[in-house]
Amino acid sequence: FFIDEEAERTTWLHPATGEAVISGHRKTPDLPTGWEE
């Protein structure tokens, strides 16, 4: 996520591109076996 320290706000979208940074699928311990996020 991105933080505009001057305006004191956050966003999931990159401030220059307007797009979310996709870091890929993740396996997390709280998901059932065989599921990814």
PDB file of all heavy atoms in Angstrom:
ATOM      1  N   PHE A   1       0.853  -1.188   0.000  1.00  0.00           N
ATOM      2  CA  PHE A   1       0.000   0.000   0.000  1.00  0.00           C
ATOM      3  C   PHE A   1       0.888   1.237   0.000  1.00  0.00           C
ATOM      4  O   PHE A   1       2.096   1.157   0.223  1.00  0.00           O
ATOM      5  CB  PHE A   1      -0.963  -0.006   1.201  1.00  0.00           C
ATOM      6  CG  PHE A   1      -0.290   0.055   2.550  1.00  0.00           C
ATOM      7  CD1 PHE A   1      -0.106   1.259   3.208  1.00  0.00           C
ATOM      8  CD2 PHE A   1       0.156  -1.111   3.168  1.00  0.00           C
ATOM      9  CE1 PHE A   1       0.505   1.306   4.456  1.00  0.00           C
ATOM     10  CE2 PHE A   1       0.763  -1.076   4.409  1.00  0.00           C
ATOM     11  CZ  PHE A   1       0.939   0.136   5.055  1.00  0.00           C
ATOM     12  N   PHE A   2       0.285   2.376  -0.281  1.00  0.00           N
ATOM     13  CA  PHE A   2       1.032   3.618  -0.419  1.00  0.00           C
ATOM     14  C   PHE A   2       0.514   4.656   0.553  1.00  0.00           C
ATOM     15  O   PHE A   2      -0.683   4.727   0.822  1.00  0.00           O
ATOM     16  CB  PHE A   2       0.950   4.120  -1.868  1.00  0.00           C
ATOM     17  CG  PHE A   2       1.522   3.110  -2.821  1.00  0.00           C
ATOM     18  CD1 PHE A   2       0.704   2.190  -3.445  1.00  0.00           C
ATOM     19  CD2 PHE A   2       2.884   3.043  -3.039  1.00  0.00           C
ATOM     20  CE1 PHE A   2       1.225   1.221  -4.290  1.00  0.00           C
ATOM     21  CE2 PHE A   2       3.421   2.088  -3.873  1.00  0.00           C
ATOM     22  CZ  PHE A   2       2.589   1.170  -4.504  1.00  0.00           C
ATOM     23  N   ILE A   3       1.433   5.462   1.095  1.00  0.00           N
ATOM     24  CA  ILE A   3       1.129   6.437   2.129  1.00  0.00           C
ATOM     25  C   ILE A   3       1.487   7.828   1.626  1.00  0.00           C
ATOM     26  O   ILE A   3       2.643   8.073   1.268  1.00  0.00           O
ATOM     27  CB  ILE A   3       1.952   6.142   3.395  1.00  0.00           C
ATOM     28  CG1 ILE A   3       1.767   4.684   3.821  1.00  0.00           C
ATOM     29  CG2 ILE A   3       1.600   7.119   4.512  1.00  0.00           C
ATOM     30  CD1 ILE A   3       2.912   4.161   4.666  1.00  0.00           C
ATOM     31  N   ASP A   4       0.494   8.710   1.596  1.00  0.00           N
ATOM     32  CA  ASP A   4       0.750  10.118   1.288  1.00  0.00           C
ATOM     33  C   ASP A   4       0.950  10.793   2.639  1.00  0.00           C
ATOM     34  O   ASP A   4      -0.017  11.086   3.349  1.00  0.00           O
ATOM     35  CB  ASP A   4      -0.415  10.733   0.529  1.00  0.00           C
ATOM     36  CG  ASP A   4      -0.169  12.183   0.148  1.00  0.00           C
ATOM     37  OD1 ASP A   4       0.760  12.808   0.711  1.00  0.00           O
ATOM     38  OD2 ASP A   4      -0.916  12.695  -0.698  1.00  0.00           O
ATOM     39  N   GLU A   5       2.197  11.001   3.017  1.00  0.00           N
ATOM     40  CA  GLU A   5       2.503  11.525   4.342  1.00  0.00           C
ATOM     41  C   GLU A   5       2.055  12.971   4.510  1.00  0.00           C
ATOM     42  O   GLU A   5       1.722  13.396   5.609  1.00  0.00           O
ATOM     43  CB  GLU A   5       3.992  11.355   4.638  1.00  0.00           C
ATOM     44  CG  GLU A   5       4.361   9.881   4.736  1.00  0.00           C
ATOM     45  CD  GLU A   5       5.837   9.627   4.871  1.00  0.00           C
ATOM     46  OE1 GLU A   5       6.649  10.536   4.596  1.00  0.00           O
ATOM     47  OE2 GLU A   5       6.178   8.492   5.264  1.00  0.00           O
ATOM     48  N   GLU A   6       2.007  13.714   3.427  1.00  0.00           N
ATOM     49  CA  GLU A   6       1.572  15.112   3.495  1.00  0.00           C
ATOM     50  C   GLU A   6       0.067  15.206   3.759  1.00  0.00           C
ATOM     51  O   GLU A   6      -0.380  15.957   4.611  1.00  0.00           O
ATOM     52  CB  GLU A   6       1.931  15.824   2.185  1.00  0.00           C
ATOM     53  CG  GLU A   6       1.680  17.304   2.212  1.00  0.00           C
ATOM     54  CD  GLU A   6       2.182  17.953   0.936  1.00  0.00           C
ATOM     55  OE1 GLU A   6       3.407  17.896   0.694  1.00  0.00           O
ATOM     56  OE2 GLU A   6       1.355  18.494   0.188  1.00  0.00           O
ATOM     57  N   ALA A   7      -0.721  14.423   3.040  1.00  0.00           N
ATOM     58  CA  ALA A   7      -2.179  14.449   3.184  1.00  0.00           C
ATOM     59  C   ALA A   7      -2.671  13.483   4.271  1.00  0.00           C
ATOM     60  O   ALA A   7      -3.854  13.463   4.585  1.00  0.00           O
ATOM     61  CB  ALA A   7      -2.842  14.100   1.850  1.00  0.00           C
ATOM     62  N   GLU A   8      -1.765  12.671   4.817  1.00  0.00           N
ATOM     63  CA  GLU A   8      -2.083  11.683   5.844  1.00  0.00           C
ATOM     64  C   GLU A   8      -3.194  10.735   5.400  1.00  0.00           C
ATOM     65  O   GLU A   8      -4.226  10.583   6.050  1.00  0.00           O
ATOM     66  CB  GLU A   8      -2.451  12.372   7.157  1.00  0.00           C
ATOM     67  CG  GLU A   8      -1.311  13.175   7.731  1.00  0.00           C
ATOM     68  CD  GLU A   8      -1.651  13.847   9.044  1.00  0.00           C
ATOM     69  OE1 GLU A   8      -2.816  13.835   9.463  1.00  0.00           O
ATOM     70  OE2 GLU A   8      -0.712  14.391   9.656  1.00  0.00           O
ATOM     71  N   ARG A   9      -2.966  10.081   4.248  1.00  0.00           N
ATOM     72  CA  ARG A   9      -3.925   9.104   3.736  1.00  0.00           C
ATOM     73  C   ARG A   9      -3.171   7.949   3.094  1.00  0.00           C
ATOM     74  O   ARG A   9      -1.987   8.064   2.778  1.00  0.00           O
ATOM     75  CB  ARG A   9      -4.884   9.740   2.730  1.00  0.00           C
ATOM     76  CG  ARG A   9      -4.220  10.184   1.446  1.00  0.00           C
ATOM     77  CD  ARG A   9      -5.218  10.873   0.512  1.00  0.00           C
ATOM     78  NE  ARG A   9      -4.549  11.262  -0.711  1.00  0.00           N
ATOM     79  CZ  ARG A   9      -4.592  10.565  -1.843  1.00  0.00           C
ATOM     80  NH1 ARG A   9      -5.280   9.460  -1.914  1.00  0.00           N
ATOM     81  NH2 ARG A   9      -3.966  10.988  -2.909  1.00  0.00           N
ATOM     82  N   THR A  10      -3.866   6.841   2.930  1.00  0.00           N
ATOM     83  CA  THR A  10      -3.273   5.665   2.294  1.00  0.00           C
ATOM     84  C   THR A  10      -4.144   5.201   1.133  1.00  0.00           C
ATOM     85  O   THR A  10      -5.322   5.541   1.055  1.00  0.00           O
ATOM     86  CB  THR A  10      -3.118   4.497   3.294  1.00  0.00           C
ATOM     87  OG1 THR A  10      -4.419   4.127   3.771  1.00  0.00           O
ATOM     88  CG2 THR A  10      -2.208   4.863   4.442  1.00  0.00           C
ATOM     89  N   THR A  11      -3.546   4.416   0.251  1.00  0.00           N
ATOM     90  CA  THR A  11      -4.260   3.862  -0.891  1.00  0.00           C
ATOM     91  C   THR A  11      -3.568   2.578  -1.338  1.00  0.00           C
ATOM     92  O   THR A  11      -2.378   2.401  -1.112  1.00  0.00           O
ATOM     93  CB  THR A  11      -4.320   4.868  -2.067  1.00  0.00           C
ATOM     94  OG1 THR A  11      -5.039   4.274  -3.157  1.00  0.00           O
ATOM     95  CG2 THR A  11      -2.938   5.279  -2.544  1.00  0.00           C
ATOM     96  N   TRP A  12      -4.346   1.697  -1.963  1.00  0.00           N
ATOM     97  CA  TRP A  12      -3.782   0.474  -2.547  1.00  0.00           C
ATOM     98  C   TRP A  12      -3.175   0.778  -3.913  1.00  0.00           C
ATOM     99  O   TRP A  12      -2.421  -0.019  -4.457  1.00  0.00           O
ATOM    100  CB  TRP A  12      -4.852  -0.598  -2.719  1.00  0.00           C
ATOM    101  CG  TRP A  12      -5.439  -1.081  -1.438  1.00  0.00           C
ATOM    102  CD1 TRP A  12      -6.727  -0.894  -1.011  1.00  0.00           C
ATOM    103  CD2 TRP A  12      -4.791  -1.823  -0.406  1.00  0.00           C
ATOM    104  NE1 TRP A  12      -6.894  -1.472   0.220  1.00  0.00           N
ATOM    105  CE2 TRP A  12      -5.726  -2.056   0.612  1.00  0.00           C
ATOM    106  CE3 TRP A  12      -3.497  -2.312  -0.243  1.00  0.00           C
ATOM    107  CZ2 TRP A  12      -5.420  -2.760   1.773  1.00  0.00           C
ATOM    108  CZ3 TRP A  12      -3.183  -3.010   0.919  1.00  0.00           C
ATOM    109  CH2 TRP A  12      -4.137  -3.232   1.910  1.00  0.00           C
ATOM    110  N   LEU A  13      -3.517   1.935  -4.509  1.00  0.00           N
ATOM    111  CA  LEU A  13      -3.094   2.264  -5.871  1.00  0.00           C
ATOM    112  C   LEU A  13      -1.828   3.116  -5.867  1.00  0.00           C
ATOM    113  O   LEU A  13      -1.709   4.070  -5.096  1.00  0.00           O
ATOM    114  CB  LEU A  13      -4.221   2.996  -6.596  1.00  0.00           C
ATOM    115  CG  LEU A  13      -5.566   2.262  -6.612  1.00  0.00           C
ATOM    116  CD1 LEU A  13      -6.611   3.098  -7.323  1.00  0.00           C
ATOM    117  CD2 LEU A  13      -5.431   0.892  -7.238  1.00  0.00           C
ATOM    118  N   HIS A  14      -0.897   2.775  -6.754  1.00  0.00           N
ATOM    119  CA  HIS A  14       0.347   3.534  -6.877  1.00  0.00           C
ATOM    120  C   HIS A  14       0.017   4.976  -7.251  1.00  0.00           C
ATOM    121  O   HIS A  14      -0.776   5.217  -8.170  1.00  0.00           O
ATOM    122  CB  HIS A  14       1.234   2.892  -7.953  1.00  0.00           C
ATOM    123  CG  HIS A  14       2.619   3.411  -7.963  1.00  0.00           C
ATOM    124  ND1 HIS A  14       2.940   4.654  -8.449  1.00  0.00           N
ATOM    125  CD2 HIS A  14       3.772   2.858  -7.515  1.00  0.00           C
ATOM    126  CE1 HIS A  14       4.232   4.853  -8.332  1.00  0.00           C
ATOM    127  NE2 HIS A  14       4.769   3.765  -7.758  1.00  0.00           N
ATOM    128  N   PRO A  15       0.594   5.962  -6.566  1.00  0.00           N
ATOM    129  CA  PRO A  15       0.238   7.362  -6.826  1.00  0.00           C
ATOM    130  C   PRO A  15       0.603   7.860  -8.218  1.00  0.00           C
ATOM    131  O   PRO A  15      -0.038   8.773  -8.735  1.00  0.00           O
ATOM    132  CB  PRO A  15       1.006   8.127  -5.746  1.00  0.00           C
ATOM    133  CG  PRO A  15       2.097   7.210  -5.318  1.00  0.00           C
ATOM    134  CD  PRO A  15       1.566   5.827  -5.498  1.00  0.00           C
ATOM    135  N   ALA A  16       1.585   7.284  -8.861  1.00  0.00           N
ATOM    136  CA  ALA A  16       1.995   7.729 -10.196  1.00  0.00           C
ATOM    137  C   ALA A  16       1.249   6.986 -11.304  1.00  0.00           C
ATOM    138  O   ALA A  16       0.885   7.574 -12.311  1.00  0.00           O
ATOM    139  CB  ALA A  16       3.498   7.563 -10.377  1.00  0.00           C
ATOM    140  N   THR A  17       1.007   5.681 -11.106  1.00  0.00           N
ATOM    141  CA  THR A  17       0.397   4.884 -12.174  1.00  0.00           C
ATOM    142  C   THR A  17      -1.092   4.657 -11.990  1.00  0.00           C
ATOM    143  O   THR A  17      -1.789   4.326 -12.940  1.00  0.00           O
ATOM    144  CB  THR A  17       1.064   3.494 -12.272  1.00  0.00           C
ATOM    145  OG1 THR A  17       0.770   2.755 -11.077  1.00  0.00           O
ATOM    146  CG2 THR A  17       2.561   3.605 -12.469  1.00  0.00           C
ATOM    147  N   GLY A  18      -1.590   4.790 -10.756  1.00  0.00           N
ATOM    148  CA  GLY A  18      -3.005   4.525 -10.484  1.00  0.00           C
ATOM    149  C   GLY A  18      -3.333   3.044 -10.471  1.00  0.00           C
ATOM    150  O   GLY A  18      -4.495   2.664 -10.495  1.00  0.00           O
ATOM    151  N   GLU A  19      -2.312   2.196 -10.432  1.00  0.00           N
ATOM    152  CA  GLU A  19      -2.530   0.748 -10.446  1.00  0.00           C
ATOM    153  C   GLU A  19      -2.067   0.124  -9.142  1.00  0.00           C
ATOM    154  O   GLU A  19      -1.134   0.613  -8.502  1.00  0.00           O
ATOM    155  CB  GLU A  19      -1.763   0.109 -11.600  1.00  0.00           C
ATOM    156  CG  GLU A  19      -2.232   0.559 -12.960  1.00  0.00           C
ATOM    157  CD  GLU A  19      -1.428  -0.062 -14.086  1.00  0.00           C
ATOM    158  OE1 GLU A  19      -0.522  -0.867 -13.803  1.00  0.00           O
ATOM    159  OE2 GLU A  19      -1.696   0.270 -15.242  1.00  0.00           O
ATOM    160  N   ALA A  20      -2.716  -0.969  -8.762  1.00  0.00           N
ATOM    161  CA  ALA A  20      -2.288  -1.719  -7.585  1.00  0.00           C
ATOM    162  C   ALA A  20      -1.017  -2.480  -7.913  1.00  0.00           C
ATOM    163  O   ALA A  20      -0.803  -2.877  -9.059  1.00  0.00           O
ATOM    164  CB  ALA A  20      -3.384  -2.689  -7.155  1.00  0.00           C
ATOM    165  N   VAL A  21      -0.163  -2.655  -6.927  1.00  0.00           N
ATOM    166  CA  VAL A  21       1.036  -3.468  -7.105  1.00  0.00           C
ATOM    167  C   VAL A  21       0.629  -4.905  -6.843  1.00  0.00           C
ATOM    168  O   VAL A  21       0.172  -5.251  -5.759  1.00  0.00           O
ATOM    169  CB  VAL A  21       2.161  -3.031  -6.149  1.00  0.00           C
ATOM    170  CG1 VAL A  21       3.321  -4.004  -6.215  1.00  0.00           C
ATOM    171  CG2 VAL A  21       2.615  -1.635  -6.494  1.00  0.00           C
ATOM    172  N   ILE A  22       0.765  -5.725  -7.851  1.00  0.00           N
ATOM    173  CA  ILE A  22       0.381  -7.124  -7.735  1.00  0.00           C
ATOM    174  C   ILE A  22       1.617  -7.925  -7.344  1.00  0.00           C
ATOM    175  O   ILE A  22       2.585  -7.995  -8.090  1.00  0.00           O
ATOM    176  CB  ILE A  22      -0.197  -7.655  -9.074  1.00  0.00           C
ATOM    177  CG1 ILE A  22      -1.325  -6.750  -9.559  1.00  0.00           C
ATOM    178  CG2 ILE A  22      -0.651  -9.093  -8.916  1.00  0.00           C
ATOM    179  CD1 ILE A  22      -2.473  -6.575  -8.603  1.00  0.00           C
ATOM    180  N   SER A  23       1.544  -8.506  -6.168  1.00  0.00           N
ATOM    181  CA  SER A  23       2.690  -9.281  -5.709  1.00  0.00           C
ATOM    182  C   SER A  23       2.484 -10.778  -5.922  1.00  0.00           C
ATOM    183  O   SER A  23       3.284 -11.573  -5.489  1.00  0.00           O
ATOM    184  CB  SER A  23       3.000  -8.987  -4.237  1.00  0.00           C
ATOM    185  OG  SER A  23       1.876  -9.216  -3.443  1.00  0.00           O
ATOM    186  N   GLY A  24       1.401 -11.146  -6.600  1.00  0.00           N
ATOM    187  CA  GLY A  24       1.178 -12.544  -6.956  1.00  0.00           C
ATOM    188  C   GLY A  24       0.291 -13.285  -5.984  1.00  0.00           C
ATOM    189  O   GLY A  24      -0.211 -12.731  -5.028  1.00  0.00           O
ATOM    190  N   HIS A  25       0.086 -14.539  -6.258  1.00  0.00           N
ATOM    191  CA  HIS A  25      -0.728 -15.394  -5.403  1.00  0.00           C
ATOM    192  C   HIS A  25       0.091 -15.819  -4.205  1.00  0.00           C
ATOM    193  O   HIS A  25       1.286 -16.028  -4.302  1.00  0.00           O
ATOM    194  CB  HIS A  25      -1.189 -16.631  -6.163  1.00  0.00           C
ATOM    195  CG  HIS A  25      -1.967 -16.310  -7.383  1.00  0.00           C
ATOM    196  ND1 HIS A  25      -2.195 -17.222  -8.359  1.00  0.00           N
ATOM    197  CD2 HIS A  25      -2.576 -15.178  -7.802  1.00  0.00           C
ATOM    198  CE1 HIS A  25      -2.908 -16.674  -9.330  1.00  0.00           C
ATOM    199  NE2 HIS A  25      -3.142 -15.436  -9.005  1.00  0.00           N
ATOM    200  N   ARG A  26      -0.590 -15.968  -3.102  1.00  0.00           N
ATOM    201  CA  ARG A  26       0.082 -16.388  -1.884  1.00  0.00           C
ATOM    202  C   ARG A  26      -0.672 -17.526  -1.228  1.00  0.00           C
ATOM    203  O   ARG A  26      -1.881 -17.532  -1.185  1.00  0.00           O
ATOM    204  CB  ARG A  26       0.159 -15.227  -0.893  1.00  0.00           C
ATOM    205  CG  ARG A  26       1.183 -14.213  -1.269  1.00  0.00           C
ATOM    206  CD  ARG A  26       1.174 -13.087  -0.280  1.00  0.00           C
ATOM    207  NE  ARG A  26      -0.051 -12.318  -0.335  1.00  0.00           N
ATOM    208  CZ  ARG A  26      -0.348 -11.452  -1.289  1.00  0.00           C
ATOM    209  NH1 ARG A  26       0.470 -11.283  -2.283  1.00  0.00           N
ATOM    210  NH2 ARG A  26      -1.456 -10.773  -1.253  1.00  0.00           N
ATOM    211  N   LYS A  27       0.080 -18.448  -0.687  1.00  0.00           N
ATOM    212  CA  LYS A  27      -0.497 -19.465   0.178  1.00  0.00           C
ATOM    213  C   LYS A  27      -0.379 -18.919   1.591  1.00  0.00           C
ATOM    214  O   LYS A  27       0.699 -18.497   2.001  1.00  0.00           O
ATOM    215  CB  LYS A  27       0.254 -20.789   0.060  1.00  0.00           C
ATOM    216  CG  LYS A  27       0.128 -21.426  -1.297  1.00  0.00           C
ATOM    217  CD  LYS A  27       0.893 -22.723  -1.346  1.00  0.00           C
ATOM    218  CE  LYS A  27       0.787 -23.311  -2.746  1.00  0.00           C
ATOM    219  NZ  LYS A  27       1.553 -24.544  -2.882  1.00  0.00           N
ATOM    220  N   THR A  28      -1.479 -18.892   2.304  1.00  0.00           N
ATOM    221  CA  THR A  28      -1.438 -18.394   3.672  1.00  0.00           C
ATOM    222  C   THR A  28      -1.927 -19.470   4.623  1.00  0.00           C
ATOM    223  O   THR A  28      -2.768 -20.295   4.251  1.00  0.00           O
ATOM    224  CB  THR A  28      -2.295 -17.124   3.828  1.00  0.00           C
ATOM    225  OG1 THR A  28      -3.640 -17.437   3.485  1.00  0.00           O
ATOM    226  CG2 THR A  28      -1.807 -16.000   2.940  1.00  0.00           C
ATOM    227  N   PRO A  29      -1.429 -19.484   5.836  1.00  0.00           N
ATOM    228  CA  PRO A  29      -1.787 -20.552   6.770  1.00  0.00           C
ATOM    229  C   PRO A  29      -3.261 -20.564   7.163  1.00  0.00           C
ATOM    230  O   PRO A  29      -3.763 -21.590   7.599  1.00  0.00           O
ATOM    231  CB  PRO A  29      -0.893 -20.277   7.981  1.00  0.00           C
ATOM    232  CG  PRO A  29      -0.409 -18.897   7.838  1.00  0.00           C
ATOM    233  CD  PRO A  29      -0.474 -18.547   6.380  1.00  0.00           C
ATOM    234  N   ASP A  30      -3.963 -19.446   7.005  1.00  0.00           N
ATOM    235  CA  ASP A  30      -5.369 -19.408   7.406  1.00  0.00           C
ATOM    236  C   ASP A  30      -6.319 -19.891   6.307  1.00  0.00           C
ATOM    237  O   ASP A  30      -7.519 -19.962   6.529  1.00  0.00           O
ATOM    238  CB  ASP A  30      -5.760 -18.004   7.870  1.00  0.00           C
ATOM    239  CG  ASP A  30      -5.519 -16.947   6.808  1.00  0.00           C
ATOM    240  OD1 ASP A  30      -4.586 -17.107   6.006  1.00  0.00           O
ATOM    241  OD2 ASP A  30      -6.255 -15.942   6.802  1.00  0.00           O
ATOM    242  N   LEU A  31      -5.797 -20.257   5.124  1.00  0.00           N
ATOM    243  CA  LEU A  31      -6.643 -20.774   4.047  1.00  0.00           C
ATOM    244  C   LEU A  31      -6.654 -22.300   4.080  1.00  0.00           C
ATOM    245  O   LEU A  31      -5.668 -22.926   4.457  1.00  0.00           O
ATOM    246  CB  LEU A  31      -6.125 -20.306   2.684  1.00  0.00           C
ATOM    247  CG  LEU A  31      -6.253 -18.815   2.382  1.00  0.00           C
ATOM    248  CD1 LEU A  31      -5.611 -18.504   1.035  1.00  0.00           C
ATOM    249  CD2 LEU A  31      -7.700 -18.390   2.393  1.00  0.00           C
ATOM    250  N   PRO A  32      -7.760 -22.906   3.642  1.00  0.00           N
ATOM    251  CA  PRO A  32      -7.798 -24.366   3.572  1.00  0.00           C
ATOM    252  C   PRO A  32      -6.754 -24.896   2.586  1.00  0.00           C
ATOM    253  O   PRO A  32      -6.340 -24.186   1.664  1.00  0.00           O
ATOM    254  CB  PRO A  32      -9.207 -24.661   3.051  1.00  0.00           C
ATOM    255  CG  PRO A  32      -9.988 -23.416   3.285  1.00  0.00           C
ATOM    256  CD  PRO A  32      -9.006 -22.285   3.243  1.00  0.00           C
ATOM    257  N   THR A  33      -6.350 -26.135   2.768  1.00  0.00           N
ATOM    258  CA  THR A  33      -5.386 -26.774   1.877  1.00  0.00           C
ATOM    259  C   THR A  33      -5.870 -26.687   0.434  1.00  0.00           C
ATOM    260  O   THR A  33      -7.035 -26.927   0.151  1.00  0.00           O
ATOM    261  CB  THR A  33      -5.203 -28.257   2.271  1.00  0.00           C
ATOM    262  OG1 THR A  33      -4.761 -28.295   3.623  1.00  0.00           O
ATOM    263  CG2 THR A  33      -4.188 -28.942   1.364  1.00  0.00           C
ATOM    264  N   GLY A  34      -4.970 -26.317  -0.473  1.00  0.00           N
ATOM    265  CA  GLY A  34      -5.311 -26.237  -1.890  1.00  0.00           C
ATOM    266  C   GLY A  34      -5.830 -24.886  -2.346  1.00  0.00           C
ATOM    267  O   GLY A  34      -6.130 -24.699  -3.513  1.00  0.00           O
ATOM    268  N   TRP A  35      -5.928 -23.925  -1.461  1.00  0.00           N
ATOM    269  CA  TRP A  35      -6.413 -22.591  -1.826  1.00  0.00           C
ATOM    270  C   TRP A  35      -5.280 -21.578  -1.744  1.00  0.00           C
ATOM    271  O   TRP A  35      -4.412 -21.654  -0.889  1.00  0.00           O
ATOM    272  CB  TRP A  35      -7.542 -22.164  -0.898  1.00  0.00           C
ATOM    273  CG  TRP A  35      -8.824 -22.859  -1.195  1.00  0.00           C
ATOM    274  CD1 TRP A  35      -9.218 -24.059  -0.694  1.00  0.00           C
ATOM    275  CD2 TRP A  35      -9.860 -22.411  -2.064  1.00  0.00           C
ATOM    276  NE1 TRP A  35     -10.452 -24.386  -1.202  1.00  0.00           N
ATOM    277  CE2 TRP A  35     -10.878 -23.393  -2.045  1.00  0.00           C
ATOM    278  CE3 TRP A  35     -10.040 -21.286  -2.865  1.00  0.00           C
ATOM    279  CZ2 TRP A  35     -12.037 -23.280  -2.784  1.00  0.00           C
ATOM    280  CZ3 TRP A  35     -11.205 -21.168  -3.591  1.00  0.00           C
ATOM    281  CH2 TRP A  35     -12.186 -22.151  -3.551  1.00  0.00           C
ATOM    282  N   GLU A  36      -5.300 -20.603  -2.660  1.00  0.00           N
ATOM    283  CA  GLU A  36      -4.362 -19.491  -2.656  1.00  0.00           C
ATOM    284  C   GLU A  36      -5.137 -18.195  -2.752  1.00  0.00           C
ATOM    285  O   GLU A  36      -6.280 -18.171  -3.196  1.00  0.00           O
ATOM    286  CB  GLU A  36      -3.382 -19.594  -3.829  1.00  0.00           C
ATOM    287  CG  GLU A  36      -2.441 -20.767  -3.739  1.00  0.00           C
ATOM    288  CD  GLU A  36      -1.445 -20.796  -4.880  1.00  0.00           C
ATOM    289  OE1 GLU A  36      -1.422 -19.850  -5.696  1.00  0.00           O
ATOM    290  OE2 GLU A  36      -0.677 -21.763  -4.945  1.00  0.00           O
ATOM    291  N   GLU A  37      -4.475 -17.120  -2.377  1.00  0.00           N
ATOM    292  CA  GLU A  37      -5.075 -15.799  -2.393  1.00  0.00           C
ATOM    293  C   GLU A  37      -4.432 -14.988  -3.507  1.00  0.00           C
ATOM    294  O   GLU A  37      -3.226 -15.082  -3.722  1.00  0.00           O
ATOM    295  CB  GLU A  37      -4.801 -15.169  -1.035  1.00  0.00           C
ATOM    296  CG  GLU A  37      -5.335 -13.806  -0.820  1.00  0.00           C
ATOM    297  CD  GLU A  37      -5.003 -13.358   0.593  1.00  0.00           C
ATOM    298  OE1 GLU A  37      -3.823 -13.044   0.850  1.00  0.00           O
ATOM    299  OE2 GLU A  37      -5.910 -13.356   1.421  1.00  0.00           O
TER     300      GLU A  37
END
